[in-house]
């Protein structure tokens, strides 16, 4: 394993969602702070720092535990 490599970590994923666009948008955007930890279980704390609803420029405080490190 190379530490300090100048190469970025790159990942790609895709999924097909059989739901109306409005339902998906509501789940991802309008309910972001409730649902994000559901699809990213390493997130142990997520709080908005900006007024809701979520929009361009919204800020948040996130605490993650990855491989035992907070």
PDB file of N, CA and C in Angstrom:
ATOM      1  N   UNK A   1       0.846  -1.183   0.000  1.00  0.00           N
ATOM      2  CA  UNK A   1       0.000   0.000   0.000  1.00  0.00           C
ATOM      3  C   UNK A   1       0.889   1.244   0.000  1.00  0.00           C
ATOM      4  N   UNK A   2       0.602   2.187  -0.837  1.00  0.00           N
ATOM      5  CA  UNK A   2       1.370   3.422  -0.911  1.00  0.00           C
ATOM      6  C   UNK A   2       0.673   4.525  -0.127  1.00  0.00           C
ATOM      7  N   UNK A   3       1.348   5.063   0.862  1.00  0.00           N
ATOM      8  CA  UNK A   3       0.822   6.205   1.606  1.00  0.00           C
ATOM      9  C   UNK A   3       1.461   7.464   1.059  1.00  0.00           C
ATOM     10  N   UNK A   4       0.705   8.544   1.040  1.00  0.00           N
ATOM     11  CA  UNK A   4       1.232   9.787   0.532  1.00  0.00           C
ATOM     12  C   UNK A   4       1.249   9.842  -0.983  1.00  0.00           C
ATOM     13  N   UNK A   5       0.518   8.969  -1.623  1.00  0.00           N
ATOM     14  CA  UNK A   5       0.446   8.959  -3.083  1.00  0.00           C
ATOM     15  C   UNK A   5      -0.241  10.225  -3.573  1.00  0.00           C
ATOM     16  N   UNK A   6       0.187  10.712  -4.704  1.00  0.00           N
ATOM     17  CA  UNK A   6      -0.443  11.910  -5.265  1.00  0.00           C
ATOM     18  C   UNK A   6      -1.670  11.558  -6.108  1.00  0.00           C
ATOM     19  N   UNK A   7      -1.983  10.276  -6.216  1.00  0.00           N
ATOM     20  CA  UNK A   7      -3.143   9.854  -7.003  1.00  0.00           C
ATOM     21  C   UNK A   7      -4.413   9.922  -6.150  1.00  0.00           C
ATOM     22  N   UNK A   8      -5.480  10.532  -6.650  1.00  0.00           N
ATOM     23  CA  UNK A   8      -6.727  10.620  -5.879  1.00  0.00           C
ATOM     24  C   UNK A   8      -7.425   9.256  -5.814  1.00  0.00           C
ATOM     25  N   UNK A   9      -8.231   9.096  -4.787  1.00  0.00           N
ATOM     26  CA  UNK A   9      -9.081   7.918  -4.691  1.00  0.00           C
ATOM     27  C   UNK A   9     -10.271   8.149  -5.613  1.00  0.00           C
ATOM     28  N   UNK A  10     -10.551   7.185  -6.464  1.00  0.00           N
ATOM     29  CA  UNK A  10     -11.640   7.332  -7.426  1.00  0.00           C
ATOM     30  C   UNK A  10     -12.591   6.160  -7.253  1.00  0.00           C
ATOM     31  N   UNK A  11     -13.883   6.458  -7.229  1.00  0.00           N
ATOM     32  CA  UNK A  11     -14.899   5.409  -7.122  1.00  0.00           C
ATOM     33  C   UNK A  11     -16.077   5.783  -7.996  1.00  0.00           C
ATOM     34  N   UNK A  12     -16.836   4.773  -8.375  1.00  0.00           N
ATOM     35  CA  UNK A  12     -18.012   5.014  -9.194  1.00  0.00           C
ATOM     36  C   UNK A  12     -19.061   3.984  -8.819  1.00  0.00           C
ATOM     37  N   UNK A  13     -20.300   4.412  -8.755  1.00  0.00           N
ATOM     38  CA  UNK A  13     -21.406   3.508  -8.461  1.00  0.00           C
ATOM     39  C   UNK A  13     -22.635   3.993  -9.211  1.00  0.00           C
ATOM     40  N   UNK A  14     -23.541   3.095  -9.452  1.00  0.00           N
ATOM     41  CA  UNK A  14     -24.801   3.489 -10.076  1.00  0.00           C
ATOM     42  C   UNK A  14     -25.906   2.588  -9.549  1.00  0.00           C
ATOM     43  N   UNK A  15     -27.117   3.074  -9.658  1.00  0.00           N
ATOM     44  CA  UNK A  15     -28.284   2.324  -9.201  1.00  0.00           C
ATOM     45  C   UNK A  15     -29.488   2.781 -10.013  1.00  0.00           C
ATOM     46  N   UNK A  16     -30.408   1.882 -10.250  1.00  0.00           N
ATOM     47  CA  UNK A  16     -31.662   2.224 -10.923  1.00  0.00           C
ATOM     48  C   UNK A  16     -32.730   2.321  -9.844  1.00  0.00           C
ATOM     49  N   UNK A  17     -33.424   3.436  -9.795  1.00  0.00           N
ATOM     50  CA  UNK A  17     -34.468   3.665  -8.798  1.00  0.00           C
ATOM     51  C   UNK A  17     -35.808   3.706  -9.518  1.00  0.00           C
ATOM     52  N   UNK A  18     -36.684   2.822  -9.145  1.00  0.00           N
ATOM     53  CA  UNK A  18     -38.000   2.734  -9.780  1.00  0.00           C
ATOM     54  C   UNK A  18     -39.026   3.522  -8.959  1.00  0.00           C
ATOM     55  N   UNK A  19     -38.844   4.830  -8.934  1.00  0.00           N
ATOM     56  CA  UNK A  19     -39.733   5.741  -8.214  1.00  0.00           C
ATOM     57  C   UNK A  19     -39.877   7.010  -9.040  1.00  0.00           C
ATOM     58  N   UNK A  20     -40.966   7.743  -8.857  1.00  0.00           N
ATOM     59  CA  UNK A  20     -41.099   9.033  -9.541  1.00  0.00           C
ATOM     60  C   UNK A  20     -39.996  10.003  -9.099  1.00  0.00           C
ATOM     61  N   UNK A  21     -39.566  10.848 -10.022  1.00  0.00           N
ATOM     62  CA  UNK A  21     -38.497  11.820  -9.751  1.00  0.00           C
ATOM     63  C   UNK A  21     -38.816  12.661  -8.516  1.00  0.00           C
ATOM     64  N   UNK A  22     -40.046  13.107  -8.359  1.00  0.00           N
ATOM     65  CA  UNK A  22     -40.407  13.933  -7.195  1.00  0.00           C
ATOM     66  C   UNK A  22     -40.174  13.198  -5.879  1.00  0.00           C
ATOM     67  N   UNK A  23     -40.469  11.901  -5.837  1.00  0.00           N
ATOM     68  CA  UNK A  23     -40.241  11.114  -4.620  1.00  0.00           C
ATOM     69  C   UNK A  23     -38.746  11.011  -4.306  1.00  0.00           C
ATOM     70  N   UNK A  24     -37.940  10.775  -5.323  1.00  0.00           N
ATOM     71  CA  UNK A  24     -36.493  10.650  -5.136  1.00  0.00           C
ATOM     72  C   UNK A  24     -35.908  11.988  -4.687  1.00  0.00           C
ATOM     73  N   UNK A  25     -36.314  13.073  -5.330  1.00  0.00           N
ATOM     74  CA  UNK A  25     -35.834  14.401  -4.950  1.00  0.00           C
ATOM     75  C   UNK A  25     -36.186  14.703  -3.491  1.00  0.00           C
ATOM     76  N   UNK A  26     -37.413  14.404  -3.100  1.00  0.00           N
ATOM     77  CA  UNK A  26     -37.861  14.655  -1.728  1.00  0.00           C
ATOM     78  C   UNK A  26     -36.999  13.866  -0.738  1.00  0.00           C
ATOM     79  N   UNK A  27     -36.714  12.606  -1.053  1.00  0.00           N
ATOM     80  CA  UNK A  27     -35.904  11.749  -0.179  1.00  0.00           C
ATOM     81  C   UNK A  27     -34.482  12.282  -0.034  1.00  0.00           C
ATOM     82  N   UNK A  28     -33.881  12.683  -1.157  1.00  0.00           N
ATOM     83  CA  UNK A  28     -32.478  13.118  -1.143  1.00  0.00           C
ATOM     84  C   UNK A  28     -32.326  14.556  -0.666  1.00  0.00           C
ATOM     85  N   UNK A  29     -33.168  15.447  -1.105  1.00  0.00           N
ATOM     86  CA  UNK A  29     -32.993  16.869  -0.803  1.00  0.00           C
ATOM     87  C   UNK A  29     -33.786  17.313   0.426  1.00  0.00           C
ATOM     88  N   UNK A  30     -35.094  17.211   0.339  1.00  0.00           N
ATOM     89  CA  UNK A  30     -35.940  17.726   1.419  1.00  0.00           C
ATOM     90  C   UNK A  30     -35.709  16.998   2.735  1.00  0.00           C
ATOM     91  N   UNK A  31     -35.397  15.713   2.684  1.00  0.00           N
ATOM     92  CA  UNK A  31     -35.192  14.917   3.897  1.00  0.00           C
ATOM     93  C   UNK A  31     -33.716  14.515   4.063  1.00  0.00           C
ATOM     94  N   UNK A  32     -32.808  15.328   3.537  1.00  0.00           N
ATOM     95  CA  UNK A  32     -31.394  14.985   3.529  1.00  0.00           C
ATOM     96  C   UNK A  32     -30.849  14.651   4.916  1.00  0.00           C
ATOM     97  N   UNK A  33     -31.125  15.488   5.899  1.00  0.00           N
ATOM     98  CA  UNK A  33     -30.531  15.297   7.219  1.00  0.00           C
ATOM     99  C   UNK A  33     -31.092  14.082   7.947  1.00  0.00           C
ATOM    100  N   UNK A  34     -32.271  13.636   7.583  1.00  0.00           N
ATOM    101  CA  UNK A  34     -32.823  12.402   8.136  1.00  0.00           C
ATOM    102  C   UNK A  34     -32.293  11.180   7.397  1.00  0.00           C
ATOM    103  N   UNK A  35     -32.128  11.277   6.091  1.00  0.00           N
ATOM    104  CA  UNK A  35     -31.839  10.097   5.279  1.00  0.00           C
ATOM    105  C   UNK A  35     -30.371   9.847   4.961  1.00  0.00           C
ATOM    106  N   UNK A  36     -29.545  10.878   4.930  1.00  0.00           N
ATOM    107  CA  UNK A  36     -28.137  10.667   4.586  1.00  0.00           C
ATOM    108  C   UNK A  36     -27.469   9.611   5.466  1.00  0.00           C
ATOM    109  N   UNK A  37     -27.659   9.652   6.794  1.00  0.00           N
ATOM    110  CA  UNK A  37     -27.044   8.601   7.622  1.00  0.00           C
ATOM    111  C   UNK A  37     -27.569   7.195   7.309  1.00  0.00           C
ATOM    112  N   UNK A  38     -28.731   7.086   6.692  1.00  0.00           N
ATOM    113  CA  UNK A  38     -29.278   5.774   6.328  1.00  0.00           C
ATOM    114  C   UNK A  38     -28.469   5.130   5.207  1.00  0.00           C
ATOM    115  N   UNK A  39     -27.981   5.914   4.251  1.00  0.00           N
ATOM    116  CA  UNK A  39     -27.197   5.327   3.162  1.00  0.00           C
ATOM    117  C   UNK A  39     -25.700   5.507   3.374  1.00  0.00           C
ATOM    118  N   UNK A  40     -25.322   6.174   4.435  1.00  0.00           N
ATOM    119  CA  UNK A  40     -23.911   6.321   4.791  1.00  0.00           C
ATOM    120  C   UNK A  40     -23.780   6.034   6.295  1.00  0.00           C
ATOM    121  N   UNK A  41     -23.805   4.752   6.687  1.00  0.00           N
ATOM    122  CA  UNK A  41     -23.886   4.406   8.106  1.00  0.00           C
ATOM    123  C   UNK A  41     -22.672   4.825   8.941  1.00  0.00           C
ATOM    124  N   UNK A  42     -21.568   5.202   8.309  1.00  0.00           N
ATOM    125  CA  UNK A  42     -20.424   5.688   9.086  1.00  0.00           C
ATOM    126  C   UNK A  42     -20.663   7.093   9.640  1.00  0.00           C
ATOM    127  N   UNK A  43     -21.725   7.762   9.191  1.00  0.00           N
ATOM    128  CA  UNK A  43     -22.090   9.085   9.713  1.00  0.00           C
ATOM    129  C   UNK A  43     -22.815   8.882  11.043  1.00  0.00           C
ATOM    130  N   UNK A  44     -22.205   9.383  12.122  1.00  0.00           N
ATOM    131  CA  UNK A  44     -22.807   9.212  13.445  1.00  0.00           C
ATOM    132  C   UNK A  44     -23.455  10.499  13.955  1.00  0.00           C
ATOM    133  N   UNK A  45     -23.173  11.598  13.284  1.00  0.00           N
ATOM    134  CA  UNK A  45     -23.786  12.876  13.643  1.00  0.00           C
ATOM    135  C   UNK A  45     -23.839  13.752  12.402  1.00  0.00           C
ATOM    136  N   UNK A  46     -24.982  14.386  12.174  1.00  0.00           N
ATOM    137  CA  UNK A  46     -25.149  15.280  11.025  1.00  0.00           C
ATOM    138  C   UNK A  46     -26.126  16.376  11.416  1.00  0.00           C
ATOM    139  N   UNK A  47     -25.639  17.618  11.419  1.00  0.00           N
ATOM    140  CA  UNK A  47     -26.475  18.754  11.817  1.00  0.00           C
ATOM    141  C   UNK A  47     -26.351  19.869  10.782  1.00  0.00           C
ATOM    142  N   UNK A  48     -27.479  20.457  10.404  1.00  0.00           N
ATOM    143  CA  UNK A  48     -27.395  21.602   9.489  1.00  0.00           C
ATOM    144  C   UNK A  48     -26.800  22.818  10.195  1.00  0.00           C
ATOM    145  N   UNK A  49     -25.975  23.557   9.462  1.00  0.00           N
ATOM    146  CA  UNK A  49     -25.436  24.825   9.957  1.00  0.00           C
ATOM    147  C   UNK A  49     -26.084  26.000   9.241  1.00  0.00           C
ATOM    148  N   UNK A  50     -26.837  25.698   8.215  1.00  0.00           N
ATOM    149  CA  UNK A  50     -27.536  26.707   7.412  1.00  0.00           C
ATOM    150  C   UNK A  50     -29.035  26.483   7.572  1.00  0.00           C
ATOM    151  N   UNK A  51     -29.805  27.531   7.341  1.00  0.00           N
ATOM    152  CA  UNK A  51     -31.257  27.360   7.385  1.00  0.00           C
ATOM    153  C   UNK A  51     -31.725  26.352   6.329  1.00  0.00           C
ATOM    154  N   UNK A  52     -32.716  25.575   6.678  1.00  0.00           N
ATOM    155  CA  UNK A  52     -33.319  24.639   5.725  1.00  0.00           C
ATOM    156  C   UNK A  52     -34.388  25.362   4.933  1.00  0.00           C
ATOM    157  N   UNK A  53     -34.740  24.896   3.742  1.00  0.00           N
ATOM    158  CA  UNK A  53     -34.396  23.624   3.130  1.00  0.00           C
ATOM    159  C   UNK A  53     -32.987  23.632   2.535  1.00  0.00           C
ATOM    160  N   UNK A  54     -32.484  22.426   2.233  1.00  0.00           N
ATOM    161  CA  UNK A  54     -31.181  22.256   1.596  1.00  0.00           C
ATOM    162  C   UNK A  54     -31.199  22.944   0.241  1.00  0.00           C
ATOM    163  N   UNK A  55     -30.145  23.700  -0.034  1.00  0.00           N
ATOM    164  CA  UNK A  55     -30.016  24.393  -1.323  1.00  0.00           C
ATOM    165  C   UNK A  55     -28.532  24.587  -1.595  1.00  0.00           C
ATOM    166  N   UNK A  56     -28.201  25.103  -2.742  1.00  0.00           N
ATOM    167  CA  UNK A  56     -26.816  25.373  -3.089  1.00  0.00           C
ATOM    168  C   UNK A  56     -26.172  26.213  -1.992  1.00  0.00           C
ATOM    169  N   UNK A  57     -25.046  25.770  -1.478  1.00  0.00           N
ATOM    170  CA  UNK A  57     -24.329  26.499  -0.437  1.00  0.00           C
ATOM    171  C   UNK A  57     -24.688  26.076   0.981  1.00  0.00           C
ATOM    172  N   UNK A  58     -25.625  25.155   1.149  1.00  0.00           N
ATOM    173  CA  UNK A  58     -25.991  24.691   2.487  1.00  0.00           C
ATOM    174  C   UNK A  58     -24.771  24.084   3.166  1.00  0.00           C
ATOM    175  N   UNK A  59     -24.575  24.426   4.429  1.00  0.00           N
ATOM    176  CA  UNK A  59     -23.454  23.907   5.214  1.00  0.00           C
ATOM    177  C   UNK A  59     -23.971  22.975   6.300  1.00  0.00           C
ATOM    178  N   UNK A  60     -23.128  22.000   6.671  1.00  0.00           N
ATOM    179  CA  UNK A  60     -23.494  21.048   7.710  1.00  0.00           C
ATOM    180  C   UNK A  60     -22.263  20.656   8.499  1.00  0.00           C
ATOM    181  N   UNK A  61     -22.504  20.163   9.710  1.00  0.00           N
ATOM    182  CA  UNK A  61     -21.446  19.576  10.538  1.00  0.00           C
ATOM    183  C   UNK A  61     -21.673  18.075  10.505  1.00  0.00           C
ATOM    184  N   UNK A  62     -20.619  17.324  10.165  1.00  0.00           N
ATOM    185  CA  UNK A  62     -20.722  15.878  10.041  1.00  0.00           C
ATOM    186  C   UNK A  62     -19.622  15.225  10.878  1.00  0.00           C
ATOM    187  N   UNK A  63     -20.003  14.216  11.643  1.00  0.00           N
ATOM    188  CA  UNK A  63     -19.032  13.384  12.357  1.00  0.00           C
ATOM    189  C   UNK A  63     -19.174  11.981  11.797  1.00  0.00           C
ATOM    190  N   UNK A  64     -18.049  11.401  11.396  1.00  0.00           N
ATOM    191  CA  UNK A  64     -18.023  10.055  10.818  1.00  0.00           C
ATOM    192  C   UNK A  64     -17.105   9.174  11.651  1.00  0.00           C
ATOM    193  N   UNK A  65     -17.405   7.882  11.646  1.00  0.00           N
ATOM    194  CA  UNK A  65     -16.497   6.900  12.229  1.00  0.00           C
ATOM    195  C   UNK A  65     -16.150   5.929  11.107  1.00  0.00           C
ATOM    196  N   UNK A  66     -14.913   6.019  10.626  1.00  0.00           N
ATOM    197  CA  UNK A  66     -14.412   5.159   9.553  1.00  0.00           C
ATOM    198  C   UNK A  66     -13.311   4.275  10.122  1.00  0.00           C
ATOM    199  N   UNK A  67     -13.528   2.994  10.084  1.00  0.00           N
ATOM    200  CA  UNK A  67     -12.549   2.017  10.586  1.00  0.00           C
ATOM    201  C   UNK A  67     -12.124   2.346  12.010  1.00  0.00           C
ATOM    202  N   UNK A  68     -13.096   2.766  12.832  1.00  0.00           N
ATOM    203  CA  UNK A  68     -12.832   3.057  14.239  1.00  0.00           C
ATOM    204  C   UNK A  68     -12.278   4.438  14.533  1.00  0.00           C
ATOM    205  N   UNK A  69     -12.067   5.242  13.493  1.00  0.00           N
ATOM    206  CA  UNK A  69     -11.524   6.597  13.684  1.00  0.00           C
ATOM    207  C   UNK A  69     -12.619   7.624  13.502  1.00  0.00           C
ATOM    208  N   UNK A  70     -12.754   8.520  14.475  1.00  0.00           N
ATOM    209  CA  UNK A  70     -13.763   9.571  14.440  1.00  0.00           C
ATOM    210  C   UNK A  70     -13.234  10.768  13.684  1.00  0.00           C
TER     211      UNK A  70
END
